[in-house]
Every structure is written in C-alpha cells, then in structure tokens.
C-alpha atoms as a PDB file:
ATOM      1  CA  MET A   1      22.451-195.487 121.257  1.00  0.00           C
ATOM      2  CA  ARG A   2      20.966-192.098 121.251  1.00  0.00           C
ATOM      3  CA  THR A   3      20.669-189.314 118.813  1.00  0.00           C
ATOM      4  CA  ILE A   4      23.050-186.554 119.084  1.00  0.00           C
ATOM      5  CA  ARG A   5      22.474-185.110 116.274  1.00  0.00           C
ATOM      6  CA  ASP A   6      21.085-184.886 112.707  1.00  0.00           C
ATOM      7  CA  ILE A   7      22.856-183.486 110.101  1.00  0.00           C
ATOM      8  CA  ASP A   8      20.434-182.200 107.069  1.00  0.00           C
ATOM      9  CA  PHE A   9      22.355-181.386 104.102  1.00  0.00           C
ATOM     10  CA  LEU A  10      18.761-180.586 102.345  1.00  0.00           C
ATOM     11  CA  GLY A  11      16.923-178.425 104.936  1.00  0.00           C
ATOM     12  CA  ASP A  12      19.556-176.756 107.178  1.00  0.00           C
ATOM     13  CA  GLU A  13      19.953-173.584 105.415  1.00  0.00           C
ATOM     14  CA  GLY A  14      23.114-172.533 107.546  1.00  0.00           C
ATOM     15  CA  LEU A  15      24.540-175.825 107.086  1.00  0.00           C
ATOM     16  CA  ARG A  16      24.689-175.353 103.439  1.00  0.00           C
ATOM     17  CA  GLY A  17      25.814-171.739 103.658  1.00  0.00           C
ATOM     18  CA  ARG A  18      28.644-173.214 105.320  1.00  0.00           C
ATOM     19  CA  LEU A  19      28.793-176.051 102.326  1.00  0.00           C
ATOM     20  CA  TYR A  20      29.459-173.236  99.495  1.00  0.00           C
ATOM     21  CA  ARG A  21      31.805-170.812 101.763  1.00  0.00           C
ATOM     22  CA  TRP A  22      33.857-174.225 102.431  1.00  0.00           C
ATOM     23  CA  SER A  23      33.432-174.768  98.767  1.00  0.00           C
ATOM     24  CA  LEU A  24      34.575-171.551  97.412  1.00  0.00           C
ATOM     25  CA  ALA A  25      37.838-171.787  99.874  1.00  0.00           C
ATOM     26  CA  ILE A  26      38.819-174.686  98.312  1.00  0.00           C
ATOM     27  CA  LEU A  27      38.486-173.055  95.142  1.00  0.00           C
ATOM     28  CA  GLY A  28      39.855-170.267  96.328  1.00  0.00           C
ATOM     29  CA  LEU A  29      43.136-172.037  97.956  1.00  0.00           C
ATOM     30  CA  GLY A  30      43.347-174.314  94.677  1.00  0.00           C
ATOM     31  CA  LEU A  31      43.619-171.320  92.414  1.00  0.00           C
ATOM     32  CA  LEU A  32      46.631-170.131  94.639  1.00  0.00           C
ATOM     33  CA  GLY A  33      48.214-173.432  93.938  1.00  0.00           C
ATOM     34  CA  GLY A  34      47.538-173.516  90.439  1.00  0.00           C
ATOM     35  CA  VAL A  35      49.327-169.858  90.452  1.00  0.00           C
ATOM     36  CA  ALA A  36      52.409-171.314  92.132  1.00  0.00           C
ATOM     37  CA  LEU A  37      52.308-174.018  90.048  1.00  0.00           C
ATOM     38  CA  CYS A  38      52.194-172.330  86.773  1.00  0.00           C
ATOM     39  CA  LEU A  39      55.072-169.841  88.639  1.00  0.00           C
ATOM     40  CA  SER A  40      57.118-172.492  89.592  1.00  0.00           C
ATOM     41  CA  GLY A  41      57.761-174.128  86.213  1.00  0.00           C
ATOM     42  CA  GLY A  42      55.726-177.577  86.854  1.00  0.00           C
ATOM     43  CA  ALA A  43      53.236-176.324  84.298  1.00  0.00           C
ATOM     44  CA  TYR A  44      53.026-173.984  81.277  1.00  0.00           C
ATOM     45  CA  PRO A  45      49.350-173.491  79.897  1.00  0.00           C
ATOM     46  CA  PRO A  46      50.369-172.695  76.916  1.00  0.00           C
ATOM     47  CA  ALA A  47      52.274-175.591  76.266  1.00  0.00           C
ATOM     48  CA  GLU A  48      49.498-177.676  77.529  1.00  0.00           C
ATOM     49  CA  ALA A  49      46.988-176.295  75.348  1.00  0.00           C
ATOM     50  CA  ALA A  50      49.598-176.914  72.510  1.00  0.00           C
ATOM     51  CA  HIS A  51      49.849-180.429  73.391  1.00  0.00           C
ATOM     52  CA  LEU A  52      46.080-180.485  72.713  1.00  0.00           C
ATOM     53  CA  ALA A  53      45.921-178.566  69.032  1.00  0.00           C
ATOM     54  CA  VAL A  54      45.142-180.584  66.157  1.00  0.00           C
ATOM     55  CA  ALA A  55      45.085-177.550  63.575  1.00  0.00           C
ATOM     56  CA  GLY A  56      45.581-173.889  64.734  1.00  0.00           C
ATOM     57  CA  GLY A  57      44.121-172.641  67.563  1.00  0.00           C
ATOM     58  CA  LEU A  58      42.131-175.170  68.791  1.00  0.00           C
ATOM     59  CA  GLY A  59      44.296-176.228  71.308  1.00  0.00           C
ATOM     60  CA  TRP A  60      42.792-174.337  74.379  1.00  0.00           C
ATOM     61  CA  LEU A  61      39.182-174.797  73.089  1.00  0.00           C
ATOM     62  CA  LEU A  62      40.007-178.933  73.732  1.00  0.00           C
ATOM     63  CA  TRP A  63      41.569-177.919  76.893  1.00  0.00           C
ATOM     64  CA  ILE A  64      38.316-176.486  78.194  1.00  0.00           C
ATOM     65  CA  VAL A  65      36.387-178.951  76.675  1.00  0.00           C
ATOM     66  CA  ALA A  66      38.262-181.869  78.230  1.00  0.00           C
ATOM     67  CA  LEU A  67      38.212-180.281  81.495  1.00  0.00           C
ATOM     68  CA  ALA A  68      34.466-180.161  81.166  1.00  0.00           C
ATOM     69  CA  VAL A  69      34.171-184.035  79.911  1.00  0.00           C
ATOM     70  CA  VAL A  70      36.440-184.806  82.985  1.00  0.00           C
ATOM     71  CA  SER A  71      34.954-182.824  85.281  1.00  0.00           C
ATOM     72  CA  ILE A  72      30.834-184.500  84.359  1.00  0.00           C
ATOM     73  CA  VAL A  73      32.448-188.109  84.398  1.00  0.00           C
ATOM     74  CA  ALA A  74      33.748-187.442  87.811  1.00  0.00           C
ATOM     75  CA  LEU A  75      30.275-186.830  89.167  1.00  0.00           C
ATOM     76  CA  PRO A  76      29.206-190.228  88.865  1.00  0.00           C
ATOM     77  CA  VAL A  77      32.173-191.793  89.758  1.00  0.00           C
ATOM     78  CA  HIS A  78      32.529-190.124  92.861  1.00  0.00           C
ATOM     79  CA  GLU A  79      29.012-191.469  93.331  1.00  0.00           C
ATOM     80  CA  LEU A  80      30.085-195.022  92.322  1.00  0.00           C
ATOM     81  CA  VAL A  81      33.023-194.838  95.110  1.00  0.00           C
ATOM     82  CA  HIS A  82      31.103-193.637  97.711  1.00  0.00           C
ATOM     83  CA  ALA A  83      28.771-196.804  97.099  1.00  0.00           C
ATOM     84  CA  LEU A  84      31.626-199.157  96.929  1.00  0.00           C
ATOM     85  CA  TYR A  85      32.774-198.096 100.436  1.00  0.00           C
ATOM     86  CA  PHE A  86      29.222-198.488 101.511  1.00  0.00           C
ATOM     87  CA  ARG A  87      28.878-202.268 100.342  1.00  0.00           C
ATOM     88  CA  LEU A  88      32.661-202.962 101.610  1.00  0.00           C
ATOM     89  CA  PHE A  89      31.618-201.704 105.157  1.00  0.00           C
ATOM     90  CA  GLY A  90      27.946-202.647 105.235  1.00  0.00           C
ATOM     91  CA  GLY A  91      28.492-205.926 103.792  1.00  0.00           C
ATOM     92  CA  PRO A  92      27.080-207.885 100.949  1.00  0.00           C
ATOM     93  CA  GLY A  93      23.129-207.086 101.588  1.00  0.00           C
ATOM     94  CA  THR A  94      23.701-203.390 101.392  1.00  0.00           C
ATOM     95  CA  LYS A  95      21.690-201.615  99.151  1.00  0.00           C
ATOM     96  CA  VAL A  96      23.334-198.260  97.671  1.00  0.00           C
ATOM     97  CA  THR A  97      20.520-196.120  96.432  1.00  0.00           C
ATOM     98  CA  PHE A  98      21.272-193.023  93.991  1.00  0.00           C
ATOM     99  CA  GLY A  99      19.962-189.960  93.354  1.00  0.00           C
ATOM    100  CA  CYS A 100      20.002-186.112  92.741  1.00  0.00           C
ATOM    101  CA  GLN A 101      18.234-183.500  95.303  1.00  0.00           C
ATOM    102  CA  ALA A 102      18.874-179.813  95.875  1.00  0.00           C
ATOM    103  CA  GLY A 103      21.620-179.735  92.963  1.00  0.00           C
ATOM    104  CA  MET A 104      23.604-182.654  94.473  1.00  0.00           C
ATOM    105  CA  LEU A 105      24.095-186.237  93.367  1.00  0.00           C
ATOM    106  CA  TYR A 106      24.161-188.829  96.318  1.00  0.00           C
ATOM    107  CA  ALA A 107      24.620-192.302  97.022  1.00  0.00           C
ATOM    108  CA  GLY A 108      23.167-193.485  99.953  1.00  0.00           C
ATOM    109  CA  CYS A 109      22.217-196.347 102.454  1.00  0.00           C
ATOM    110  CA  PRO A 110      19.498-194.685 104.258  1.00  0.00           C
ATOM    111  CA  GLY A 111      19.371-196.458 107.574  1.00  0.00           C
ATOM    112  CA  LEU A 112      22.857-197.601 107.568  1.00  0.00           C
ATOM    113  CA  VAL A 113      24.840-197.844 110.485  1.00  0.00           C
ATOM    114  CA  LEU A 114      28.329-197.766 111.017  1.00  0.00           C
ATOM    115  CA  GLU A 115      31.253-196.983 113.122  1.00  0.00           C
ATOM    116  CA  ARG A 116      32.332-193.260 113.081  1.00  0.00           C
ATOM    117  CA  ASP A 117      35.622-193.682 111.648  1.00  0.00           C
ATOM    118  CA  ARG A 118      33.969-196.013 109.336  1.00  0.00           C
ATOM    119  CA  PHE A 119      31.673-193.536 107.866  1.00  0.00           C
ATOM    120  CA  CYS A 120      34.554-191.015 107.758  1.00  0.00           C
ATOM    121  CA  ILE A 121      35.894-193.169 105.495  1.00  0.00           C
ATOM    122  CA  VAL A 122      33.019-193.996 102.942  1.00  0.00           C
ATOM    123  CA  LEU A 123      32.889-189.895 103.092  1.00  0.00           C
ATOM    124  CA  ALA A 124      36.384-189.432 102.293  1.00  0.00           C
ATOM    125  CA  ALA A 125      37.124-191.872  99.665  1.00  0.00           C
ATOM    126  CA  PRO A 126      36.214-190.272  96.638  1.00  0.00           C
ATOM    127  CA  ALA A 127      37.825-187.128  97.820  1.00  0.00           C
ATOM    128  CA  LEU A 128      41.263-189.172  98.114  1.00  0.00           C
ATOM    129  CA  VAL A 129      40.964-192.099  95.450  1.00  0.00           C
ATOM    130  CA  LEU A 130      39.435-189.548  92.712  1.00  0.00           C
ATOM    131  CA  SER A 131      41.273-186.351  93.481  1.00  0.00           C
ATOM    132  CA  ALA A 132      44.373-188.460  93.247  1.00  0.00           C
ATOM    133  CA  ALA A 133      42.914-190.254  89.813  1.00  0.00           C
ATOM    134  CA  LEU A 134      42.943-187.330  88.524  1.00  0.00           C
ATOM    135  CA  LEU A 135      46.568-185.385  89.316  1.00  0.00           C
ATOM    136  CA  GLY A 136      48.074-188.804  88.263  1.00  0.00           C
ATOM    137  CA  VAL A 137      46.429-188.994  84.839  1.00  0.00           C
ATOM    138  CA  GLY A 138      46.884-185.457  84.034  1.00  0.00           C
ATOM    139  CA  SER A 139      50.499-186.183  84.894  1.00  0.00           C
ATOM    140  CA  LEU A 140      50.594-189.142  82.913  1.00  0.00           C
ATOM    141  CA  LEU A 141      49.171-187.356  79.600  1.00  0.00           C
ATOM    142  CA  ASP A 142      51.886-184.721  80.191  1.00  0.00           C
ATOM    143  CA  LEU A 143      48.677-182.620  80.643  1.00  0.00           C
ATOM    144  CA  PRO A 144      49.787-181.555  84.769  1.00  0.00           C
ATOM    145  CA  LEU A 145      47.614-178.552  85.020  1.00  0.00           C
ATOM    146  CA  LEU A 146      44.830-180.121  83.413  1.00  0.00           C
ATOM    147  CA  GLY A 147      44.364-183.041  85.871  1.00  0.00           C
ATOM    148  CA  TYR A 148      45.284-179.669  88.683  1.00  0.00           C
ATOM    149  CA  VAL A 149      42.066-177.902  87.689  1.00  0.00           C
ATOM    150  CA  ALA A 150      40.199-181.189  87.453  1.00  0.00           C
ATOM    151  CA  PHE A 151      41.660-182.225  90.806  1.00  0.00           C
ATOM    152  CA  VAL A 152      40.863-178.807  92.516  1.00  0.00           C
ATOM    153  CA  LEU A 153      37.250-178.737  91.041  1.00  0.00           C
ATOM    154  CA  HIS A 154      36.687-182.153  92.025  1.00  0.00           C
ATOM    155  CA  LEU A 155      37.921-181.379  95.662  1.00  0.00           C
ATOM    156  CA  SER A 156      35.781-178.356  95.742  1.00  0.00           C
ATOM    157  CA  GLY A 157      32.521-180.645  94.766  1.00  0.00           C
ATOM    158  CA  CYS A 158      33.706-182.704  97.918  1.00  0.00           C
ATOM    159  CA  ALA A 159      32.886-179.656 100.272  1.00  0.00           C
ATOM    160  CA  GLY A 160      29.605-181.600 101.801  1.00  0.00           C
ATOM    161  CA  ASP A 161      31.755-184.703 102.365  1.00  0.00           C
ATOM    162  CA  LEU A 162      34.812-182.843 104.155  1.00  0.00           C
ATOM    163  CA  LEU A 163      32.282-180.700 105.993  1.00  0.00           C
ATOM    164  CA  ALA A 164      30.357-183.783 107.478  1.00  0.00           C
ATOM    165  CA  ILE A 165      33.996-185.613 108.658  1.00  0.00           C
ATOM    166  CA  TRP A 166      34.752-182.069 110.215  1.00  0.00           C
ATOM    167  CA  GLU A 167      31.100-182.537 111.971  1.00  0.00           C
ATOM    168  CA  ILE A 168      31.342-186.192 112.640  1.00  0.00           C
ATOM    169  CA  ARG A 169      35.305-185.886 114.204  1.00  0.00           C
ATOM    170  CA  SER A 170      33.847-182.763 116.154  1.00  0.00           C
ATOM    171  CA  GLU A 171      31.478-184.396 118.223  1.00  0.00           C
ATOM    172  CA  ARG A 172      33.293-186.556 120.770  1.00  0.00           C
ATOM    173  CA  SER A 173      30.595-188.448 121.943  1.00  0.00           C
ATOM    174  CA  CYS A 174      30.266-189.810 118.830  1.00  0.00           C
ATOM    175  CA  VAL A 175      30.261-193.214 118.060  1.00  0.00           C
ATOM    176  CA  ARG A 176      28.305-194.746 115.186  1.00  0.00           C
ATOM    177  CA  CYS A 177      26.846-192.581 112.332  1.00  0.00           C
ATOM    178  CA  GLU A 178      23.385-193.466 110.238  1.00  0.00           C
ATOM    179  CA  ASP A 179      22.665-192.570 106.886  1.00  0.00           C
ATOM    180  CA  THR A 180      19.742-190.755 106.049  1.00  0.00           C
ATOM    181  CA  GLU A 181      17.701-189.099 103.340  1.00  0.00           C
ATOM    182  CA  ARG A 182      18.915-186.194 104.012  1.00  0.00           C
ATOM    183  CA  GLY A 183      22.432-186.681 105.886  1.00  0.00           C
ATOM    184  CA  VAL A 184      23.832-188.357 109.147  1.00  0.00           C
ATOM    185  CA  ARG A 185      22.361-189.376 112.140  1.00  0.00           C
ATOM    186  CA  LEU A 186      25.143-189.238 114.759  1.00  0.00           C
ATOM    187  CA  LEU A 187      24.497-191.568 117.662  1.00  0.00           C
ATOM    188  CA  GLY A 188      26.093-192.144 121.298  1.00  0.00           C
ATOM    189  CA  VAL A 189      26.080-194.528 123.796  1.00  0.00           C
END
C-alpha cells in the first residue's frame, strides 16, 4: 500500500476553513428547513414552548435549556457511536482512544486500517444514527421543532466526518483508509 494523501484536520488550515464553511452551510440549510417546517404547520414554536411550560413563562426557557442539554449530551454519544463502529469493523482487539484537540472531541484508532467503504461507514454512523434519534425522540415527545433544531445542530457538528467522507470518496485510487492521530491517511495500491 502506498500513501495517496493525508487528511490532517488539526494542522491543515485550508481544510479547517472548508470544515467551518460546511458547518455554516448545514446550519443555513437547516434554518431554511426549520422555517419551512414552521410555515407548513409541522411545528409551531409557541405550542412547543407551552408544552414545556410548568408555570407562567417558563416554556421558552425550558425549551432552550432542553436544547442545550440535548446538544451537550449528543457530543460524547456521537463519539461513542464512532467507537462502536471502529470496534465492529476493527475486531475485538481494537483499542479506541478518546480525546479533545482544537475544540473537537474525537474517538479514534490510530493505525487501524479499514477498507474505504467500511471507514466511510464509521465516519457516517453518528450522523445517521444520532440524527435519526434526535428527530424521532423530538416527534415522540411532541416537540418536533426541538428535535429538528437538535438534529441540525448535531449535523453541523458532523461537518468534519462528512467532509472526510467527501474527500475519501473523491479519491478514486483510495482502497483503504488508516486512522491517524490527526485525521485519515488515504491508501492505494
């Protein structure tokens, strides 16, 4: 195997700029979707706030607190989903490490080499699993807008994973990916 390219999320300022723009684009599209959801009658913010109201005007405050709590809890859960898929595809002896660098939480298996499609599944799993859970729980609790806003915030936080998938899939000669301390190494024959 030869190294085709290293994707360095910590040291490549150009890549970090793209990551920031992807995250903002997801937030912008999410805002448009939220407006459409409200205009279509699929969610009505005052009704949601009233649903959470305990006494007087606490509804909006509770809504914002609930969003903050859900968003904070989603961060480590996101990394645990990555860890689960690293273990699933890497095998029982796979050692997953956790950390935080440059304002990003991460779960990784430095040195682990996976077939490119499996690596993309590891990257995509939290965006799919956790985003669907946020939407589903919001609907079950009759708080669809809260679920939707939590989904959009989470998906914007998945921009690094989505950008990595884009980069991996764009490199046709890549057949395997190696997890590294700083990102992903694309490998080819």
